[in-house]
Amino acid sequence: MPAKKKKSGKLSKMTEEERLAYEEQKRLAEEEMRKKKEDMLTQFLKDKLTKEERATRFNLNKLNHQWRNIMREAKSKELKKDIEILSQTFERVVDRKDAVIKSLAKDLMEAEEQYAMALRSHLQNIDNLIDLQKSRLQKLKDEYVDELEIIKEEFDTERAIMVDQHNTEMNDIADILFAMEQNFQEREAEAKGEFQSMRDEIKNKNLEEKHALRVQLEQKVDNLWMQFRDALQNYNMTTEERKTAFEALKVKDERSAKEIESQMRKLQRISDQIAALKSKMATNAKECEERNKMLKEEREKMLKHFQELKAQMNKVREAERDKLTKVTLESNAAIKEVKRQNDKVEQILKVSEMCRKLETEEEKVLPFYASSLTKEEQEDVDAAVIEAPSEPLANAMHEYTSLENFWKRHNKVLLDKLALDKERQTLLGENQQLRTLLKQYLDGISVNDEIISQVNPLFIVNNKTNVKLNVPVHDPRIRRPAAQTVVEAAHVIKHTLPS
């Protein structure tokens, strides 16, 4: 009260301008104070917000750290379980690979044994072929040697015959020459004797006549010489051309005589050769006739043998053609069967891949069911498997022992299928039951002439109905699980803490 009075007194003492200035100053002071308070409040709120955000971040980090630990533990457990499953799967795959490797090694050993057997058979066949070729070559060589010996013997015999014939002819010619020389020597001696005697007689006679005629001749000679010279002169003058022609004809005559003599010798030699060749031709004709006869017989035999071989070859060719046709048909059938088997195998592999994707973890880890046999029964089965088969069916079963694991999986899947079929039948029965219950319920809540005329569950007398109600199915396999609402902790903390 005194302040107000003082204030009002102070204002009353002020002028209008001063009062306005005072109020303006007061208003500015109040505005400044209000701004300071707002700034202080804002700074306080900002500090508080910063602290809250820091605490929120700390708590969020702490919750996230704890949640991460929980998730790490759950994930580690899940990963450990996955690792165990993967390790079991890996061990199973390794075992399967070991089994495959063993089977492949066994197949490789069998293939090597088959290859060695085939190689031995091939080498044996090669040795047989070599022995056959050697025996054939030896036979051909023996035949060649025999034919060579025969040809040598024929050549030696012919050569001996020709040498003997030559020797005989040479001996005959030598005898003829010797006889001709003897005859020539005798004639020469006789001619020499006659010539000597006639020469002596003519010589004596000529000497006598020479002395008698010498005188006469000298005169005549002189006369004749003169006449001869005249005649010679005349003759030379008249016969010069004839002389030259005579000289030419003489030279030609000498040449013709020499040629006739040479031709005569040649004709004699040719006639001798013709006679020798005729004799030789006669002997050769006789030999060749016998040889041709033998060759004709051999040709007939060879032709007959050739016909037999040709018929045999045609039979073998027909048989081989039939075999080739049969092999071709069987090979085509085998190719088709292999293609069919290949398609079937590809289909099986595709189905196996699809089934592999649908396998559960348990089926991946344990694909084969455990044997239900006891130890003694298993030992009996192993002993029976090891025992050598005595029947064809048992032998065929032993050949398919490698498919035992496949049949195990097949039987397991078949059992699962049968169990699922049985469960499906059960579920179909329960579904039919539920449909019946639903129909009864709908009939019970509906009112019409058809339902009223039939048995109706609405007609209840003494808390009893004339409709036989079936008990509902409470099977946990088909019961719907209760819904559980899960809220993440980070979401709850984020919306619970003050901002």
Protein backbone atom coordinates (compact mmCIF):
# COMPACT_ATOMS: atom_id res chain seq x y z
CA MET A 1 0.00 0.00 0.00
CA PRO A 2 2.67 2.54 0.83
CA ALA A 3 4.62 1.45 -2.33
CA LYS A 4 1.59 1.91 -4.45
CA LYS A 5 0.84 5.19 -2.88
CA LYS A 6 4.41 6.22 -3.36
CA LYS A 7 4.30 5.01 -6.89
CA SER A 8 1.03 6.74 -7.61
CA GLY A 9 2.38 9.85 -5.94
CA LYS A 10 5.48 9.64 -8.04
CA LEU A 11 3.42 9.19 -11.18
CA SER A 12 1.21 12.11 -10.20
CA LYS A 13 4.23 14.28 -9.87
CA MET A 14 5.47 13.28 -13.34
CA THR A 15 4.40 14.86 -16.50
CA GLU A 16 2.66 13.04 -19.24
CA GLU A 17 5.83 12.53 -21.25
CA GLU A 18 7.78 11.39 -18.24
CA ARG A 19 5.03 9.04 -17.30
CA LEU A 20 5.00 7.57 -20.80
CA ALA A 21 8.75 7.23 -20.75
CA TYR A 22 8.62 5.63 -17.35
CA GLU A 23 5.96 3.17 -18.45
CA GLU A 24 7.92 2.43 -21.59
CA GLN A 25 11.04 1.83 -19.54
CA LYS A 26 9.08 -0.30 -17.12
CA ARG A 27 7.58 -2.28 -19.98
CA LEU A 28 11.01 -2.79 -21.53
CA ALA A 29 12.38 -3.95 -18.15
CA GLU A 30 9.53 -6.40 -17.76
CA GLU A 31 10.02 -7.60 -21.33
CA GLU A 32 13.71 -8.06 -20.73
CA MET A 33 13.03 -9.96 -17.49
CA ARG A 34 10.50 -12.13 -19.26
CA LYS A 35 13.01 -12.86 -22.01
CA LYS A 36 15.64 -13.76 -19.45
CA LYS A 37 13.22 -16.09 -17.72
CA GLU A 38 12.28 -17.68 -21.05
CA ASP A 39 15.94 -18.01 -21.94
CA MET A 40 16.70 -19.58 -18.59
CA LEU A 41 13.73 -21.94 -18.93
CA THR A 42 14.73 -22.79 -22.47
CA GLN A 43 18.31 -23.44 -21.40
CA PHE A 44 17.09 -25.55 -18.49
CA LEU A 45 14.80 -27.55 -20.78
CA LYS A 46 17.58 -27.95 -23.33
CA ASP A 47 19.97 -29.20 -20.64
CA LYS A 48 17.28 -31.51 -19.32
CA LEU A 49 16.52 -32.73 -22.86
CA THR A 50 20.21 -33.28 -23.48
CA LYS A 51 20.53 -35.26 -20.26
CA GLU A 52 17.40 -37.24 -21.10
CA GLU A 53 18.67 -37.93 -24.62
CA ARG A 54 22.04 -38.95 -23.20
CA ALA A 55 20.34 -41.23 -20.69
CA THR A 56 18.02 -42.57 -23.40
CA ARG A 57 20.96 -43.26 -25.69
CA PHE A 58 22.82 -44.93 -22.86
CA ASN A 59 19.80 -47.06 -21.93
CA LEU A 60 19.13 -47.85 -25.58
CA ASN A 61 22.75 -48.85 -26.04
CA LYS A 62 22.58 -50.94 -22.90
CA LEU A 63 19.33 -52.59 -24.03
CA ASN A 64 20.70 -53.10 -27.52
CA HIS A 65 23.87 -54.58 -26.02
CA GLN A 66 21.85 -56.96 -23.81
CA TRP A 67 19.49 -57.75 -26.71
CA ARG A 68 22.47 -58.39 -28.94
CA ASN A 69 23.92 -60.73 -26.31
CA ILE A 70 20.61 -62.57 -26.13
CA MET A 71 20.39 -62.71 -29.92
CA ARG A 72 24.05 -63.79 -30.15
CA GLU A 73 23.39 -66.62 -27.70
CA ALA A 74 20.26 -67.68 -29.62
CA LYS A 75 22.06 -67.33 -32.95
CA SER A 76 25.09 -69.20 -31.57
CA LYS A 77 22.81 -72.01 -30.40
CA GLU A 78 21.10 -72.04 -33.79
CA LEU A 79 24.47 -71.93 -35.57
CA LYS A 80 25.79 -74.71 -33.33
CA LYS A 81 22.74 -76.77 -34.18
CA ASP A 82 23.23 -75.96 -37.86
CA ILE A 83 26.91 -76.80 -37.53
CA GLU A 84 26.06 -80.12 -35.93
CA ILE A 85 23.54 -80.82 -38.69
CA LEU A 86 26.04 -79.69 -41.32
CA SER A 87 28.81 -81.75 -39.71
CA GLN A 88 26.55 -84.80 -39.68
CA THR A 89 25.54 -84.01 -43.26
CA PHE A 90 29.20 -83.54 -44.16
CA GLU A 91 30.13 -86.82 -42.47
CA ARG A 92 27.27 -88.53 -44.29
CA VAL A 93 28.38 -86.94 -47.57
CA VAL A 94 31.98 -87.95 -46.82
CA ASP A 95 30.85 -91.49 -46.04
CA ARG A 96 28.83 -91.52 -49.22
CA LYS A 97 31.79 -90.14 -51.17
CA ASP A 98 34.04 -92.78 -49.54
CA ALA A 99 31.53 -95.44 -50.55
CA VAL A 100 31.41 -93.99 -54.06
CA ILE A 101 35.22 -93.87 -54.16
CA LYS A 102 35.40 -97.47 -52.96
CA SER A 103 32.83 -98.55 -55.51
CA LEU A 104 34.68 -96.59 -58.21
CA ALA A 105 37.97 -98.12 -57.08
CA LYS A 106 36.32 -101.53 -57.20
CA ASP A 107 34.92 -100.74 -60.65
CA LEU A 108 38.35 -99.48 -61.66
CA MET A 109 39.97 -102.69 -60.43
CA GLU A 110 37.33 -104.72 -62.25
CA ALA A 111 37.87 -102.58 -65.35
CA GLU A 112 41.62 -103.08 -65.04
CA GLU A 113 41.10 -106.82 -64.66
CA GLN A 114 38.79 -106.82 -67.66
CA TYR A 115 41.31 -104.72 -69.57
CA ALA A 116 44.12 -107.09 -68.56
CA MET A 117 41.95 -110.06 -69.55
CA ALA A 118 41.07 -108.41 -72.85
CA LEU A 119 44.73 -107.52 -73.37
CA ARG A 120 45.77 -111.09 -72.65
CA SER A 121 43.07 -112.35 -74.99
CA HIS A 122 44.14 -109.83 -77.61
CA LEU A 123 47.80 -110.77 -77.22
CA GLN A 124 46.87 -114.44 -77.39
CA ASN A 125 44.86 -113.79 -80.54
CA ILE A 126 47.79 -111.79 -81.94
CA ASP A 127 50.15 -114.66 -81.08
CA ASN A 128 47.76 -117.11 -82.70
CA LEU A 129 47.55 -114.90 -85.77
CA ILE A 130 51.35 -114.57 -85.83
CA ASP A 131 51.74 -118.35 -85.48
CA LEU A 132 49.12 -118.85 -88.19
CA GLN A 133 50.90 -116.35 -90.41
CA LYS A 134 54.26 -117.96 -89.68
CA SER A 135 52.87 -121.40 -90.45
CA ARG A 136 51.30 -120.04 -93.62
CA LEU A 137 54.56 -118.34 -94.61
CA GLN A 138 56.46 -121.53 -93.79
CA LYS A 139 54.01 -123.52 -95.89
CA LEU A 140 54.36 -121.04 -98.75
CA LYS A 141 58.12 -121.13 -98.34
CA ASP A 142 58.09 -124.93 -98.40
CA GLU A 143 55.88 -124.88 -101.50
CA TYR A 144 58.22 -122.31 -103.06
CA VAL A 145 61.24 -124.43 -102.19
CA ASP A 146 59.53 -127.55 -103.56
CA GLU A 147 58.55 -125.77 -106.78
CA LEU A 148 62.04 -124.29 -106.99
CA GLU A 149 63.54 -127.76 -106.58
CA ILE A 150 61.18 -129.10 -109.24
CA ILE A 151 62.06 -126.25 -111.62
CA LYS A 152 65.76 -126.75 -110.84
CA GLU A 153 65.44 -130.47 -111.52
CA GLU A 154 63.59 -129.77 -114.79
CA PHE A 155 66.18 -127.17 -115.72
CA ASP A 156 69.03 -129.52 -114.82
CA THR A 157 67.46 -132.35 -116.81
CA GLU A 158 66.81 -130.09 -119.79
CA ARG A 159 70.31 -128.66 -119.48
CA ALA A 160 71.80 -132.16 -119.25
CA ILE A 161 69.75 -133.24 -122.29
CA MET A 162 70.83 -130.15 -124.22
CA VAL A 163 74.47 -130.64 -123.16
CA ASP A 164 74.34 -134.30 -124.18
CA GLN A 165 72.69 -133.39 -127.45
CA HIS A 166 75.27 -130.66 -128.00
CA ASN A 167 78.08 -133.06 -127.19
CA THR A 168 76.67 -135.67 -129.54
CA GLU A 169 76.21 -133.12 -132.28
CA MET A 170 79.72 -131.78 -131.68
CA ASN A 171 81.07 -135.33 -131.82
CA ASP A 172 79.15 -135.95 -135.04
CA ILE A 173 80.48 -132.72 -136.52
CA ALA A 174 84.02 -133.59 -135.39
CA ASP A 175 83.68 -137.04 -137.01
CA ILE A 176 82.35 -135.45 -140.19
CA LEU A 177 85.19 -132.92 -140.20
CA PHE A 178 87.72 -135.66 -139.56
CA ALA A 179 86.25 -137.77 -142.42
CA MET A 180 86.21 -134.75 -144.72
CA GLU A 181 89.82 -133.92 -143.82
CA GLN A 182 90.88 -137.52 -144.51
CA ASN A 183 89.03 -137.52 -147.82
CA PHE A 184 90.48 -134.13 -148.71
CA GLN A 185 94.01 -135.25 -147.82
CA GLU A 186 93.60 -138.42 -149.92
CA ARG A 187 92.26 -136.46 -152.87
CA GLU A 188 94.97 -133.89 -152.44
CA ALA A 189 97.65 -136.59 -152.44
CA GLU A 190 96.19 -138.21 -155.55
CA ALA A 191 95.88 -134.83 -157.28
CA LYS A 192 99.44 -133.96 -156.32
CA GLY A 193 100.68 -137.28 -157.71
CA GLU A 194 98.78 -136.94 -160.96
CA PHE A 195 99.81 -133.31 -161.20
CA GLN A 196 103.49 -134.19 -160.67
CA SER A 197 103.41 -136.96 -163.28
CA MET A 198 101.56 -134.85 -165.80
CA ARG A 199 103.85 -131.98 -165.00
CA ASP A 200 106.91 -134.07 -165.71
CA GLU A 201 105.45 -135.41 -168.95
CA ILE A 202 104.32 -131.99 -170.08
CA LYS A 203 107.64 -130.56 -169.06
CA ASN A 204 109.63 -133.05 -171.14
CA LYS A 205 107.25 -132.77 -174.06
CA ASN A 206 107.31 -129.04 -173.84
CA LEU A 207 111.07 -129.00 -173.79
CA GLU A 208 111.18 -131.08 -176.96
CA GLU A 209 108.52 -129.07 -178.67
CA LYS A 210 110.09 -125.96 -177.35
CA HIS A 211 113.33 -126.71 -179.08
CA ALA A 212 111.51 -127.65 -182.27
CA LEU A 213 109.14 -124.82 -182.29
CA ARG A 214 111.41 -122.26 -180.89
CA VAL A 215 112.89 -121.54 -184.25
CA GLN A 216 109.55 -121.53 -185.99
CA LEU A 217 107.98 -119.52 -183.32
CA GLU A 218 110.60 -116.89 -183.32
CA GLN A 219 109.78 -116.13 -186.91
CA LYS A 220 106.09 -116.45 -186.37
CA VAL A 221 106.41 -114.44 -183.23
CA ASP A 222 107.94 -111.63 -185.01
CA ASN A 223 105.24 -111.76 -187.63
CA LEU A 224 102.56 -112.34 -185.10
CA TRP A 225 103.96 -109.64 -182.92
CA MET A 226 103.63 -107.23 -185.70
CA GLN A 227 100.15 -108.54 -186.44
CA PHE A 228 99.34 -108.61 -182.74
CA ARG A 229 100.44 -105.07 -182.34
CA ASP A 230 98.30 -104.07 -185.26
CA ALA A 231 95.40 -106.20 -184.02
CA LEU A 232 95.92 -104.98 -180.46
CA GLN A 233 95.89 -101.50 -181.66
CA ASN A 234 92.72 -102.14 -183.59
CA TYR A 235 91.24 -104.18 -180.69
CA ASN A 236 92.05 -101.52 -178.15
CA MET A 237 90.48 -98.98 -180.35
CA THR A 238 87.34 -101.08 -180.93
CA THR A 239 86.94 -102.76 -177.45
CA GLU A 240 87.76 -99.92 -175.10
CA GLU A 241 84.12 -99.52 -174.00
CA ARG A 242 83.56 -103.29 -173.74
CA LYS A 243 86.66 -103.58 -171.61
CA THR A 244 85.48 -101.05 -169.16
CA ALA A 245 82.06 -102.76 -169.09
CA PHE A 246 83.80 -106.13 -168.70
CA GLU A 247 85.89 -104.83 -165.82
CA ALA A 248 82.75 -103.52 -164.12
CA LEU A 249 80.90 -106.77 -164.74
CA LYS A 250 83.91 -108.70 -163.48
CA VAL A 251 83.99 -106.73 -160.25
CA LYS A 252 80.23 -107.18 -159.94
CA ASP A 253 80.59 -110.88 -160.64
CA GLU A 254 83.24 -111.22 -157.96
CA ARG A 255 81.04 -109.36 -155.52
CA SER A 256 78.00 -111.48 -156.45
CA ALA A 257 80.07 -114.64 -156.12
CA LYS A 258 81.18 -113.59 -152.63
CA GLU A 259 77.61 -112.71 -151.70
CA ILE A 260 76.30 -115.99 -153.10
CA GLU A 261 78.96 -117.84 -151.15
CA SER A 262 78.07 -115.97 -147.94
CA GLN A 263 74.35 -116.55 -148.56
CA MET A 264 75.00 -120.21 -149.18
CA ARG A 265 76.90 -120.44 -145.92
CA LYS A 266 74.09 -118.58 -144.19
CA LEU A 267 71.49 -120.87 -145.77
CA GLN A 268 73.51 -123.87 -144.68
CA ARG A 269 73.74 -122.50 -141.15
CA ILE A 270 70.01 -121.62 -141.14
CA SER A 271 69.10 -125.07 -142.44
CA ASP A 272 71.22 -126.60 -139.69
CA GLN A 273 69.52 -124.38 -137.12
CA ILE A 274 66.10 -125.23 -138.60
CA ALA A 275 66.87 -128.94 -138.33
CA ALA A 276 68.09 -128.50 -134.73
CA LEU A 277 65.09 -126.37 -133.86
CA LYS A 278 62.72 -128.87 -135.49
CA SER A 279 64.19 -131.66 -133.41
CA LYS A 280 64.12 -129.50 -130.32
CA MET A 281 60.57 -128.38 -131.15
CA ALA A 282 59.50 -131.98 -131.47
CA THR A 283 60.98 -132.84 -128.09
CA ASN A 284 59.54 -129.64 -126.56
CA ALA A 285 56.15 -130.34 -128.13
CA LYS A 286 56.13 -133.76 -126.58
CA GLU A 287 57.16 -132.39 -123.18
CA CYS A 288 54.78 -129.44 -123.46
CA GLU A 289 51.93 -131.72 -124.39
CA GLU A 290 52.49 -133.76 -121.24
CA ARG A 291 52.93 -130.60 -119.19
CA ASN A 292 49.80 -129.02 -120.70
CA LYS A 293 47.90 -132.15 -119.90
CA MET A 294 49.10 -131.99 -116.29
CA LEU A 295 48.35 -128.24 -116.17
CA LYS A 296 44.85 -128.83 -117.55
CA GLU A 297 44.21 -131.45 -114.88
CA GLU A 298 45.61 -129.10 -112.22
CA ARG A 299 43.52 -126.26 -113.68
CA GLU A 300 40.40 -128.41 -113.45
CA LYS A 301 41.24 -129.24 -109.85
CA MET A 302 41.95 -125.57 -109.03
CA LEU A 303 38.73 -124.50 -110.77
CA LYS A 304 36.76 -127.08 -108.81
CA HIS A 305 38.49 -125.99 -105.58
CA PHE A 306 37.81 -122.35 -106.53
CA GLN A 307 34.12 -123.10 -107.05
CA GLU A 308 33.98 -124.86 -103.68
CA LEU A 309 35.78 -121.95 -101.98
CA LYS A 310 33.49 -119.47 -103.74
CA ALA A 311 30.40 -121.36 -102.60
CA GLN A 312 31.84 -121.57 -99.09
CA MET A 313 32.70 -117.85 -99.19
CA ASN A 314 29.18 -117.01 -100.34
CA LYS A 315 27.76 -119.07 -97.50
CA VAL A 316 30.09 -117.37 -95.02
CA ARG A 317 29.22 -113.99 -96.53
CA GLU A 318 25.50 -114.70 -96.19
CA ALA A 319 26.02 -115.86 -92.62
CA GLU A 320 28.11 -112.77 -91.84
CA ARG A 321 25.50 -110.56 -93.51
CA ASP A 322 22.79 -112.18 -91.37
CA LYS A 323 24.99 -111.71 -88.32
CA LEU A 324 25.64 -108.09 -89.29
CA THR A 325 21.92 -107.50 -89.79
CA LYS A 326 21.20 -109.12 -86.45
CA VAL A 327 23.98 -107.12 -84.76
CA THR A 328 22.67 -103.92 -86.40
CA LEU A 329 19.14 -104.59 -85.21
CA GLU A 330 20.34 -105.51 -81.74
CA SER A 331 22.63 -102.46 -81.64
CA ASN A 332 19.74 -100.20 -82.68
CA ALA A 333 17.55 -101.82 -80.05
CA ALA A 334 20.38 -101.44 -77.51
CA ILE A 335 20.85 -97.77 -78.49
CA LYS A 336 17.12 -97.16 -78.08
CA GLU A 337 17.14 -99.01 -74.76
CA VAL A 338 20.20 -97.02 -73.60
CA LYS A 339 18.50 -93.78 -74.66
CA ARG A 340 15.38 -94.83 -72.80
CA GLN A 341 17.45 -95.75 -69.75
CA ASN A 342 19.34 -92.44 -70.09
CA ASP A 343 16.08 -90.48 -70.24
CA LYS A 344 14.82 -92.47 -67.29
CA VAL A 345 18.05 -91.79 -65.36
CA GLU A 346 17.82 -88.06 -66.18
CA GLN A 347 14.20 -88.06 -65.03
CA ILE A 348 15.22 -89.91 -61.85
CA LEU A 349 18.04 -87.40 -61.25
CA LYS A 350 15.65 -84.46 -61.77
CA VAL A 351 13.10 -86.05 -59.43
CA SER A 352 15.90 -86.77 -56.91
CA GLU A 353 16.98 -83.11 -57.07
CA MET A 354 13.39 -82.01 -56.51
CA CYS A 355 13.04 -84.50 -53.66
CA ARG A 356 16.37 -83.33 -52.23
CA LYS A 357 14.98 -79.82 -51.96
CA LEU A 358 11.92 -81.20 -50.12
CA GLU A 359 13.92 -83.32 -47.65
CA THR A 360 13.85 -82.39 -44.00
CA GLU A 361 16.94 -81.84 -41.91
CA GLU A 362 16.44 -85.24 -40.27
CA GLU A 363 16.23 -86.94 -43.67
CA LYS A 364 19.36 -85.09 -44.81
CA VAL A 365 21.25 -86.18 -41.68
CA LEU A 366 19.82 -89.72 -41.43
CA PRO A 367 18.64 -90.77 -44.91
CA PHE A 368 18.55 -94.47 -43.98
CA TYR A 369 16.39 -95.95 -41.27
CA ALA A 370 18.03 -97.88 -38.48
CA SER A 371 17.87 -101.64 -38.74
CA SER A 372 15.35 -103.33 -36.49
CA LEU A 373 17.29 -106.61 -36.39
CA THR A 374 19.18 -107.78 -33.37
CA LYS A 375 22.91 -108.30 -33.36
CA GLU A 376 22.60 -112.08 -33.83
CA GLU A 377 20.10 -111.65 -36.67
CA GLN A 378 22.35 -109.05 -38.33
CA GLU A 379 25.32 -111.45 -38.05
CA ASP A 380 23.20 -114.22 -39.63
CA VAL A 381 22.26 -111.86 -42.48
CA ASP A 382 25.91 -110.82 -43.02
CA ALA A 383 26.99 -114.47 -43.05
CA ALA A 384 24.27 -115.28 -45.58
CA VAL A 385 25.40 -112.36 -47.75
CA ILE A 386 29.06 -113.45 -47.60
CA GLU A 387 28.16 -117.06 -48.42
CA ALA A 388 28.55 -117.99 -52.09
CA PRO A 389 25.17 -118.21 -53.86
CA SER A 390 24.01 -121.61 -55.08
CA GLU A 391 20.97 -120.57 -57.14
CA PRO A 392 20.69 -118.17 -60.12
CA LEU A 393 18.22 -115.93 -58.28
CA ALA A 394 20.57 -115.61 -55.29
CA ASN A 395 23.45 -114.88 -57.64
CA ALA A 396 21.39 -112.16 -59.33
CA MET A 397 20.56 -110.71 -55.90
CA HIS A 398 24.28 -110.64 -55.02
CA GLU A 399 24.93 -108.58 -58.14
CA TYR A 400 22.58 -105.86 -56.86
CA THR A 401 23.93 -105.57 -53.29
CA SER A 402 25.23 -102.08 -54.12
CA LEU A 403 21.58 -100.92 -54.40
CA GLU A 404 20.82 -101.87 -50.81
CA ASN A 405 21.03 -98.26 -49.56
CA PHE A 406 18.81 -97.15 -52.41
CA TRP A 407 16.18 -99.75 -51.49
CA LYS A 408 16.49 -98.66 -47.85
CA ARG A 409 15.66 -95.08 -48.81
CA HIS A 410 12.95 -96.30 -51.17
CA ASN A 411 11.40 -98.46 -48.42
CA LYS A 412 11.65 -95.58 -45.95
CA VAL A 413 9.89 -93.23 -48.39
CA LEU A 414 7.34 -95.94 -49.15
CA LEU A 415 6.66 -96.39 -45.43
CA ASP A 416 6.33 -92.62 -45.02
CA LYS A 417 3.95 -92.55 -47.97
CA LEU A 418 1.87 -95.37 -46.48
CA ALA A 419 1.82 -93.56 -43.12
CA LEU A 420 0.78 -90.31 -44.82
CA ASP A 421 -1.91 -92.16 -46.77
CA LYS A 422 -3.17 -93.69 -43.55
CA GLU A 423 -3.12 -90.32 -41.82
CA ARG A 424 -4.89 -88.79 -44.83
CA GLN A 425 -7.61 -91.44 -44.58
CA THR A 426 -7.93 -90.68 -40.86
CA LEU A 427 -8.12 -86.95 -41.54
CA LEU A 428 -10.67 -87.53 -44.31
CA GLY A 429 -12.79 -89.53 -41.83
CA GLU A 430 -12.49 -86.81 -39.20
CA ASN A 431 -13.30 -84.18 -41.84
CA GLN A 432 -16.39 -86.15 -42.82
CA GLN A 433 -17.30 -86.35 -39.12
CA LEU A 434 -16.89 -82.60 -38.73
CA ARG A 435 -18.96 -82.01 -41.86
CA THR A 436 -21.69 -84.19 -40.34
CA LEU A 437 -21.53 -82.24 -37.05
CA LEU A 438 -21.64 -78.95 -38.95
CA LYS A 439 -24.62 -80.13 -40.97
CA GLN A 440 -26.37 -81.25 -37.76
CA TYR A 441 -25.60 -77.87 -36.20
CA LEU A 442 -26.91 -75.98 -39.22
CA ASP A 443 -29.98 -78.20 -39.26
CA GLY A 444 -30.44 -77.46 -35.56
CA ILE A 445 -30.40 -73.70 -36.01
CA SER A 446 -32.58 -73.76 -39.14
CA VAL A 447 -36.39 -74.02 -39.12
CA ASN A 448 -38.26 -75.22 -42.23
CA ASP A 449 -40.68 -77.96 -43.19
CA GLU A 450 -38.02 -80.37 -44.33
CA ILE A 451 -36.05 -80.10 -41.08
CA ILE A 452 -39.21 -80.22 -38.91
CA SER A 453 -40.33 -83.40 -40.69
CA GLN A 454 -37.01 -85.09 -39.94
CA VAL A 455 -35.12 -85.73 -36.71
CA ASN A 456 -34.31 -82.30 -35.25
CA PRO A 457 -31.99 -81.44 -32.36
CA LEU A 458 -34.32 -78.55 -31.40
CA PHE A 459 -36.82 -81.02 -30.01
CA ILE A 460 -35.50 -81.46 -26.47
CA VAL A 461 -37.50 -83.34 -23.91
CA ASN A 462 -36.21 -83.70 -20.35
CA ASN A 463 -32.85 -82.20 -21.41
CA LYS A 464 -32.44 -84.93 -24.04
CA THR A 465 -32.54 -84.85 -27.83
CA ASN A 466 -33.33 -87.59 -30.31
CA VAL A 467 -30.20 -86.76 -32.39
CA LYS A 468 -27.06 -88.68 -31.71
CA LEU A 469 -24.31 -86.08 -31.40
CA ASN A 470 -20.76 -87.02 -32.22
CA VAL A 471 -17.97 -86.01 -29.90
CA PRO A 472 -15.85 -83.22 -31.46
CA VAL A 473 -12.25 -84.04 -32.33
CA HIS A 474 -9.60 -82.64 -30.01
CA ASP A 475 -6.53 -83.77 -31.87
CA PRO A 476 -3.47 -81.59 -31.12
CA ARG A 477 -2.20 -82.16 -34.67
CA ILE A 478 -5.17 -80.32 -36.18
CA ARG A 479 -5.92 -77.95 -33.26
CA ARG A 480 -5.10 -74.36 -34.11
CA PRO A 481 -2.42 -72.98 -31.79
CA ALA A 482 -3.24 -69.95 -29.63
CA ALA A 483 -2.03 -66.66 -31.03
CA GLN A 484 0.87 -65.13 -29.10
CA THR A 485 1.59 -61.41 -29.40
CA VAL A 486 5.29 -60.60 -29.32
CA VAL A 487 6.49 -57.00 -28.82
CA GLU A 488 10.12 -56.06 -29.30
CA ALA A 489 11.80 -54.65 -26.15
CA ALA A 490 13.50 -51.80 -28.00
CA HIS A 491 10.11 -50.66 -29.33
CA VAL A 492 8.61 -50.72 -25.77
CA ILE A 493 11.54 -48.77 -24.27
CA LYS A 494 11.46 -46.23 -27.09
CA HIS A 495 7.79 -45.42 -26.46
CA THR A 496 8.00 -45.65 -22.64
CA LEU A 497 10.89 -43.30 -21.86
CA PRO A 498 10.03 -39.59 -21.83
CA SER A 499 11.35 -37.57 -24.72
